[in-house]
Amino acid sequence: MCKLSPTEEIIVANIRDKTRKALAEALGMQLDTLNTHIARIKKKRLDAKTLLQRTNYVKNELYPKRKGE
């Protein structure tokens, strides 16, 4: 699994309550560049979610439910 790049981390930290155009201007990049970074962030998020779903059985083995739960 890939971790976010420093630029992607900055985008994630600043994306709330801003339009993409305003965010691109604030970060000094083109809108197309920002959209590419956001697409990569979404892909990494989806890959992480898929990995967690595939390995959910490990959690069940490591942390079995106690009686009465």
PDB file of N, CA and C in Angstrom:
ATOM      1  N   MET A   1       0.854  -1.166   0.000  1.00  0.00           N
ATOM      2  CA  MET A   1       0.000   0.000   0.000  1.00  0.00           C
ATOM      3  C   MET A   1       0.905   1.237   0.000  1.00  0.00           C
ATOM      4  N   CYS A   2       0.545   2.216  -0.788  1.00  0.00           N
ATOM      5  CA  CYS A   2       1.323   3.443  -0.893  1.00  0.00           C
ATOM      6  C   CYS A   2       0.829   4.476   0.106  1.00  0.00           C
ATOM      7  N   LYS A   3       1.771   5.182   0.676  1.00  0.00           N
ATOM      8  CA  LYS A   3       1.336   6.276   1.540  1.00  0.00           C
ATOM      9  C   LYS A   3       1.258   7.556   0.719  1.00  0.00           C
ATOM     10  N   LEU A   4       0.586   8.530   1.288  1.00  0.00           N
ATOM     11  CA  LEU A   4       0.405   9.788   0.572  1.00  0.00           C
ATOM     12  C   LEU A   4       1.726  10.537   0.446  1.00  0.00           C
ATOM     13  N   SER A   5       1.887  11.189  -0.690  1.00  0.00           N
ATOM     14  CA  SER A   5       3.063  12.024  -0.896  1.00  0.00           C
ATOM     15  C   SER A   5       2.897  13.299  -0.061  1.00  0.00           C
ATOM     16  N   PRO A   6       3.986  14.037   0.160  1.00  0.00           N
ATOM     17  CA  PRO A   6       3.866  15.293   0.912  1.00  0.00           C
ATOM     18  C   PRO A   6       2.849  16.266   0.299  1.00  0.00           C
ATOM     19  N   THR A   7       2.813  16.350  -1.022  1.00  0.00           N
ATOM     20  CA  THR A   7       1.848  17.228  -1.679  1.00  0.00           C
ATOM     21  C   THR A   7       0.424  16.752  -1.438  1.00  0.00           C
ATOM     22  N   GLU A   8       0.209  15.441  -1.526  1.00  0.00           N
ATOM     23  CA  GLU A   8      -1.119  14.875  -1.282  1.00  0.00           C
ATOM     24  C   GLU A   8      -1.565  15.122   0.156  1.00  0.00           C
ATOM     25  N   GLU A   9      -0.635  15.028   1.093  1.00  0.00           N
ATOM     26  CA  GLU A   9      -0.962  15.298   2.498  1.00  0.00           C
ATOM     27  C   GLU A   9      -1.401  16.756   2.688  1.00  0.00           C
ATOM     28  N   ILE A  10      -0.727  17.676   2.010  1.00  0.00           N
ATOM     29  CA  ILE A  10      -1.096  19.088   2.093  1.00  0.00           C
ATOM     30  C   ILE A  10      -2.492  19.296   1.511  1.00  0.00           C
ATOM     31  N   ILE A  11      -2.776  18.645   0.404  1.00  0.00           N
ATOM     32  CA  ILE A  11      -4.098  18.769  -0.217  1.00  0.00           C
ATOM     33  C   ILE A  11      -5.174  18.242   0.725  1.00  0.00           C
ATOM     34  N   VAL A  12      -4.961  17.076   1.306  1.00  0.00           N
ATOM     35  CA  VAL A  12      -5.941  16.491   2.224  1.00  0.00           C
ATOM     36  C   VAL A  12      -6.169  17.407   3.432  1.00  0.00           C
ATOM     37  N   ALA A  13      -5.101  18.011   3.921  1.00  0.00           N
ATOM     38  CA  ALA A  13      -5.213  18.880   5.089  1.00  0.00           C
ATOM     39  C   ALA A  13      -5.961  20.180   4.783  1.00  0.00           C
ATOM     40  N   ASN A  14      -5.977  20.596   3.527  1.00  0.00           N
ATOM     41  CA  ASN A  14      -6.558  21.898   3.174  1.00  0.00           C
ATOM     42  C   ASN A  14      -7.806  21.828   2.304  1.00  0.00           C
ATOM     43  N   ILE A  15      -8.299  20.647   2.000  1.00  0.00           N
ATOM     44  CA  ILE A  15      -9.380  20.528   1.026  1.00  0.00           C
ATOM     45  C   ILE A  15     -10.751  20.913   1.572  1.00  0.00           C
ATOM     46  N   ARG A  16     -10.937  20.847   2.858  1.00  0.00           N
ATOM     47  CA  ARG A  16     -12.255  21.092   3.454  1.00  0.00           C
ATOM     48  C   ARG A  16     -12.730  22.528   3.216  1.00  0.00           C
ATOM     49  N   ASP A  17     -13.980  22.645   2.808  1.00  0.00           N
ATOM     50  CA  ASP A  17     -14.662  23.933   2.618  1.00  0.00           C
ATOM     51  C   ASP A  17     -14.017  24.840   1.567  1.00  0.00           C
ATOM     52  N   LYS A  18     -13.329  24.252   0.584  1.00  0.00           N
ATOM     53  CA  LYS A  18     -12.747  25.049  -0.493  1.00  0.00           C
ATOM     54  C   LYS A  18     -13.132  24.434  -1.823  1.00  0.00           C
ATOM     55  N   THR A  19     -13.309  25.281  -2.817  1.00  0.00           N
ATOM     56  CA  THR A  19     -13.506  24.753  -4.164  1.00  0.00           C
ATOM     57  C   THR A  19     -12.151  24.279  -4.672  1.00  0.00           C
ATOM     58  N   ARG A  20     -12.189  23.426  -5.657  1.00  0.00           N
ATOM     59  CA  ARG A  20     -10.924  22.938  -6.222  1.00  0.00           C
ATOM     60  C   ARG A  20     -10.114  24.085  -6.815  1.00  0.00           C
ATOM     61  N   LYS A  21     -10.810  25.008  -7.460  1.00  0.00           N
ATOM     62  CA  LYS A  21     -10.122  26.148  -8.074  1.00  0.00           C
ATOM     63  C   LYS A  21      -9.431  27.000  -7.011  1.00  0.00           C
ATOM     64  N   ALA A  22     -10.132  27.278  -5.910  1.00  0.00           N
ATOM     65  CA  ALA A  22      -9.547  28.078  -4.828  1.00  0.00           C
ATOM     66  C   ALA A  22      -8.371  27.354  -4.184  1.00  0.00           C
ATOM     67  N   LEU A  23      -8.506  26.051  -4.017  1.00  0.00           N
ATOM     68  CA  LEU A  23      -7.418  25.271  -3.422  1.00  0.00           C
ATOM     69  C   LEU A  23      -6.198  25.267  -4.337  1.00  0.00           C
ATOM     70  N   ALA A  24      -6.417  25.084  -5.627  1.00  0.00           N
ATOM     71  CA  ALA A  24      -5.301  25.095  -6.580  1.00  0.00           C
ATOM     72  C   ALA A  24      -4.578  26.434  -6.546  1.00  0.00           C
ATOM     73  N   GLU A  25      -5.335  27.510  -6.491  1.00  0.00           N
ATOM     74  CA  GLU A  25      -4.722  28.843  -6.430  1.00  0.00           C
ATOM     75  C   GLU A  25      -3.949  29.026  -5.125  1.00  0.00           C
ATOM     76  N   ALA A  26      -4.516  28.563  -4.014  1.00  0.00           N
ATOM     77  CA  ALA A  26      -3.855  28.706  -2.717  1.00  0.00           C
ATOM     78  C   ALA A  26      -2.552  27.904  -2.658  1.00  0.00           C
ATOM     79  N   LEU A  27      -2.526  26.770  -3.343  1.00  0.00           N
ATOM     80  CA  LEU A  27      -1.327  25.924  -3.326  1.00  0.00           C
ATOM     81  C   LEU A  27      -0.376  26.247  -4.477  1.00  0.00           C
ATOM     82  N   GLY A  28      -0.771  27.162  -5.336  1.00  0.00           N
ATOM     83  CA  GLY A  28       0.102  27.573  -6.440  1.00  0.00           C
ATOM     84  C   GLY A  28       0.286  26.517  -7.503  1.00  0.00           C
ATOM     85  N   MET A  29      -0.804  25.814  -7.833  1.00  0.00           N
ATOM     86  CA  MET A  29      -0.710  24.793  -8.877  1.00  0.00           C
ATOM     87  C   MET A  29      -1.885  24.927  -9.826  1.00  0.00           C
ATOM     88  N   GLN A  30      -1.758  24.317 -10.970  1.00  0.00           N
ATOM     89  CA  GLN A  30      -2.823  24.315 -11.957  1.00  0.00           C
ATOM     90  C   GLN A  30      -3.971  23.425 -11.477  1.00  0.00           C
ATOM     91  N   LEU A  31      -5.157  23.722 -11.917  1.00  0.00           N
ATOM     92  CA  LEU A  31      -6.337  22.943 -11.548  1.00  0.00           C
ATOM     93  C   LEU A  31      -6.198  21.489 -12.015  1.00  0.00           C
ATOM     94  N   ASP A  32      -5.660  21.282 -13.208  1.00  0.00           N
ATOM     95  CA  ASP A  32      -5.467  19.920 -13.711  1.00  0.00           C
ATOM     96  C   ASP A  32      -4.508  19.125 -12.828  1.00  0.00           C
ATOM     97  N   THR A  33      -3.474  19.787 -12.327  1.00  0.00           N
ATOM     98  CA  THR A  33      -2.515  19.135 -11.437  1.00  0.00           C
ATOM     99  C   THR A  33      -3.199  18.732 -10.130  1.00  0.00           C
ATOM    100  N   LEU A  34      -4.001  19.637  -9.592  1.00  0.00           N
ATOM    101  CA  LEU A  34      -4.736  19.335  -8.367  1.00  0.00           C
ATOM    102  C   LEU A  34      -5.671  18.155  -8.586  1.00  0.00           C
ATOM    103  N   ASN A  35      -6.378  18.147  -9.705  1.00  0.00           N
ATOM    104  CA  ASN A  35      -7.291  17.049 -10.003  1.00  0.00           C
ATOM    105  C   ASN A  35      -6.556  15.720 -10.114  1.00  0.00           C
ATOM    106  N   THR A  36      -5.344  15.737 -10.666  1.00  0.00           N
ATOM    107  CA  THR A  36      -4.538  14.521 -10.745  1.00  0.00           C
ATOM    108  C   THR A  36      -4.176  14.030  -9.354  1.00  0.00           C
ATOM    109  N   HIS A  37      -3.770  14.936  -8.472  1.00  0.00           N
ATOM    110  CA  HIS A  37      -3.440  14.555  -7.094  1.00  0.00           C
ATOM    111  C   HIS A  37      -4.668  13.987  -6.381  1.00  0.00           C
ATOM    112  N   ILE A  38      -5.809  14.612  -6.566  1.00  0.00           N
ATOM    113  CA  ILE A  38      -7.034  14.134  -5.915  1.00  0.00           C
ATOM    114  C   ILE A  38      -7.414  12.748  -6.428  1.00  0.00           C
ATOM    115  N   ALA A  39      -7.247  12.511  -7.716  1.00  0.00           N
ATOM    116  CA  ALA A  39      -7.531  11.182  -8.273  1.00  0.00           C
ATOM    117  C   ALA A  39      -6.605  10.135  -7.654  1.00  0.00           C
ATOM    118  N   ARG A  40      -5.343  10.478  -7.452  1.00  0.00           N
ATOM    119  CA  ARG A  40      -4.393   9.542  -6.821  1.00  0.00           C
ATOM    120  C   ARG A  40      -4.762   9.282  -5.372  1.00  0.00           C
ATOM    121  N   ILE A  41      -5.198  10.324  -4.658  1.00  0.00           N
ATOM    122  CA  ILE A  41      -5.619  10.168  -3.266  1.00  0.00           C
ATOM    123  C   ILE A  41      -6.816   9.222  -3.193  1.00  0.00           C
ATOM    124  N   LYS A  42      -7.789   9.413  -4.082  1.00  0.00           N
ATOM    125  CA  LYS A  42      -8.970   8.552  -4.104  1.00  0.00           C
ATOM    126  C   LYS A  42      -8.584   7.098  -4.385  1.00  0.00           C
ATOM    127  N   LYS A  43      -7.661   6.888  -5.323  1.00  0.00           N
ATOM    128  CA  LYS A  43      -7.213   5.529  -5.666  1.00  0.00           C
ATOM    129  C   LYS A  43      -6.533   4.877  -4.478  1.00  0.00           C
ATOM    130  N   LYS A  44      -5.670   5.602  -3.789  1.00  0.00           N
ATOM    131  CA  LYS A  44      -4.980   5.050  -2.620  1.00  0.00           C
ATOM    132  C   LYS A  44      -5.972   4.727  -1.514  1.00  0.00           C
ATOM    133  N   ARG A  45      -6.976   5.583  -1.345  1.00  0.00           N
ATOM    134  CA  ARG A  45      -8.011   5.348  -0.332  1.00  0.00           C
ATOM    135  C   ARG A  45      -8.811   4.085  -0.660  1.00  0.00           C
ATOM    136  N   LEU A  46      -9.161   3.926  -1.928  1.00  0.00           N
ATOM    137  CA  LEU A  46      -9.901   2.741  -2.356  1.00  0.00           C
ATOM    138  C   LEU A  46      -9.057   1.481  -2.183  1.00  0.00           C
ATOM    139  N   ASP A  47      -7.777   1.552  -2.530  1.00  0.00           N
ATOM    140  CA  ASP A  47      -6.879   0.408  -2.354  1.00  0.00           C
ATOM    141  C   ASP A  47      -6.770   0.014  -0.885  1.00  0.00           C
ATOM    142  N   ALA A  48      -6.690   1.007   0.004  1.00  0.00           N
ATOM    143  CA  ALA A  48      -6.599   0.730   1.441  1.00  0.00           C
ATOM    144  C   ALA A  48      -7.890   0.086   1.938  1.00  0.00           C
ATOM    145  N   LYS A  49      -9.024   0.583   1.478  1.00  0.00           N
ATOM    146  CA  LYS A  49     -10.318   0.025   1.883  1.00  0.00           C
ATOM    147  C   LYS A  49     -10.437  -1.426   1.421  1.00  0.00           C
ATOM    148  N   THR A  50     -10.019  -1.694   0.198  1.00  0.00           N
ATOM    149  CA  THR A  50     -10.060  -3.054  -0.345  1.00  0.00           C
ATOM    150  C   THR A  50      -9.170  -3.985   0.460  1.00  0.00           C
ATOM    151  N   LEU A  51      -7.978  -3.512   0.809  1.00  0.00           N
ATOM    152  CA  LEU A  51      -7.065  -4.325   1.609  1.00  0.00           C
ATOM    153  C   LEU A  51      -7.671  -4.657   2.970  1.00  0.00           C
ATOM    154  N   LEU A  52      -8.298  -3.669   3.605  1.00  0.00           N
ATOM    155  CA  LEU A  52      -8.929  -3.913   4.905  1.00  0.00           C
ATOM    156  C   LEU A  52     -10.061  -4.917   4.792  1.00  0.00           C
ATOM    157  N   GLN A  53     -10.830  -4.850   3.724  1.00  0.00           N
ATOM    158  CA  GLN A  53     -11.918  -5.806   3.533  1.00  0.00           C
ATOM    159  C   GLN A  53     -11.376  -7.211   3.311  1.00  0.00           C
ATOM    160  N   ARG A  54     -10.288  -7.332   2.555  1.00  0.00           N
ATOM    161  CA  ARG A  54      -9.720  -8.651   2.282  1.00  0.00           C
ATOM    162  C   ARG A  54      -9.074  -9.267   3.512  1.00  0.00           C
ATOM    163  N   THR A  55      -8.597  -8.435   4.427  1.00  0.00           N
ATOM    164  CA  THR A  55      -7.907  -8.950   5.613  1.00  0.00           C
ATOM    165  C   THR A  55      -8.767  -8.886   6.863  1.00  0.00           C
ATOM    166  N   ASN A  56     -10.058  -8.668   6.717  1.00  0.00           N
ATOM    167  CA  ASN A  56     -10.959  -8.568   7.858  1.00  0.00           C
ATOM    168  C   ASN A  56     -10.977  -9.854   8.679  1.00  0.00           C
ATOM    169  N   TYR A  57     -10.771 -10.999   8.024  1.00  0.00           N
ATOM    170  CA  TYR A  57     -10.753 -12.270   8.746  1.00  0.00           C
ATOM    171  C   TYR A  57      -9.623 -12.319   9.768  1.00  0.00           C
ATOM    172  N   VAL A  58      -8.533 -11.624   9.511  1.00  0.00           N
ATOM    173  CA  VAL A  58      -7.417 -11.588  10.452  1.00  0.00           C
ATOM    174  C   VAL A  58      -7.858 -10.897  11.737  1.00  0.00           C
ATOM    175  N   LYS A  59      -8.581  -9.805  11.602  1.00  0.00           N
ATOM    176  CA  LYS A  59      -9.090  -9.095  12.771  1.00  0.00           C
ATOM    177  C   LYS A  59      -9.971 -10.018  13.595  1.00  0.00           C
ATOM    178  N   ASN A  60     -10.826 -10.778  12.920  1.00  0.00           N
ATOM    179  CA  ASN A  60     -11.721 -11.690  13.634  1.00  0.00           C
ATOM    180  C   ASN A  60     -10.950 -12.781  14.370  1.00  0.00           C
ATOM    181  N   GLU A  61      -9.843 -13.216  13.805  1.00  0.00           N
ATOM    182  CA  GLU A  61      -9.016 -14.236  14.458  1.00  0.00           C
ATOM    183  C   GLU A  61      -8.230 -13.652  15.630  1.00  0.00           C
ATOM    184  N   LEU A  62      -7.735 -12.440  15.466  1.00  0.00           N
ATOM    185  CA  LEU A  62      -6.930 -11.802  16.498  1.00  0.00           C
ATOM    186  C   LEU A  62      -7.782 -11.306  17.661  1.00  0.00           C
ATOM    187  N   TYR A  63      -8.978 -10.862  17.356  1.00  0.00           N
ATOM    188  CA  TYR A  63      -9.850 -10.279  18.375  1.00  0.00           C
ATOM    189  C   TYR A  63     -11.218 -10.960  18.367  1.00  0.00           C
ATOM    190  N   PRO A  64     -11.270 -12.205  18.834  1.00  0.00           N
ATOM    191  CA  PRO A  64     -12.553 -12.904  18.833  1.00  0.00           C
ATOM    192  C   PRO A  64     -13.536 -12.236  19.797  1.00  0.00           C
ATOM    193  N   LYS A  65     -14.817 -12.359  19.456  1.00  0.00           N
ATOM    194  CA  LYS A  65     -15.843 -11.788  20.316  1.00  0.00           C
ATOM    195  C   LYS A  65     -15.925 -12.609  21.592  1.00  0.00           C
ATOM    196  N   ARG A  66     -16.161 -11.895  22.680  1.00  0.00           N
ATOM    197  CA  ARG A  66     -16.325 -12.569  23.945  1.00  0.00           C
ATOM    198  C   ARG A  66     -17.762 -13.058  24.096  1.00  0.00           C
ATOM    199  N   LYS A  67     -17.959 -14.027  24.959  1.00  0.00           N
ATOM    200  CA  LYS A  67     -19.310 -14.529  25.191  1.00  0.00           C
ATOM    201  C   LYS A  67     -20.203 -13.400  25.662  1.00  0.00           C
ATOM    202  N   GLY A  68     -21.409 -13.365  25.129  1.00  0.00           N
ATOM    203  CA  GLY A  68     -22.374 -12.350  25.528  1.00  0.00           C
ATOM    204  C   GLY A  68     -22.335 -11.098  24.688  1.00  0.00           C
ATOM    205  N   GLU A  69     -21.428 -11.022  23.716  1.00  0.00           N
ATOM    206  CA  GLU A  69     -21.364  -9.825  22.870  1.00  0.00           C
ATOM    207  C   GLU A  69     -22.111 -10.048  21.593  1.00  0.00           C
TER     208      GLU A  69
END
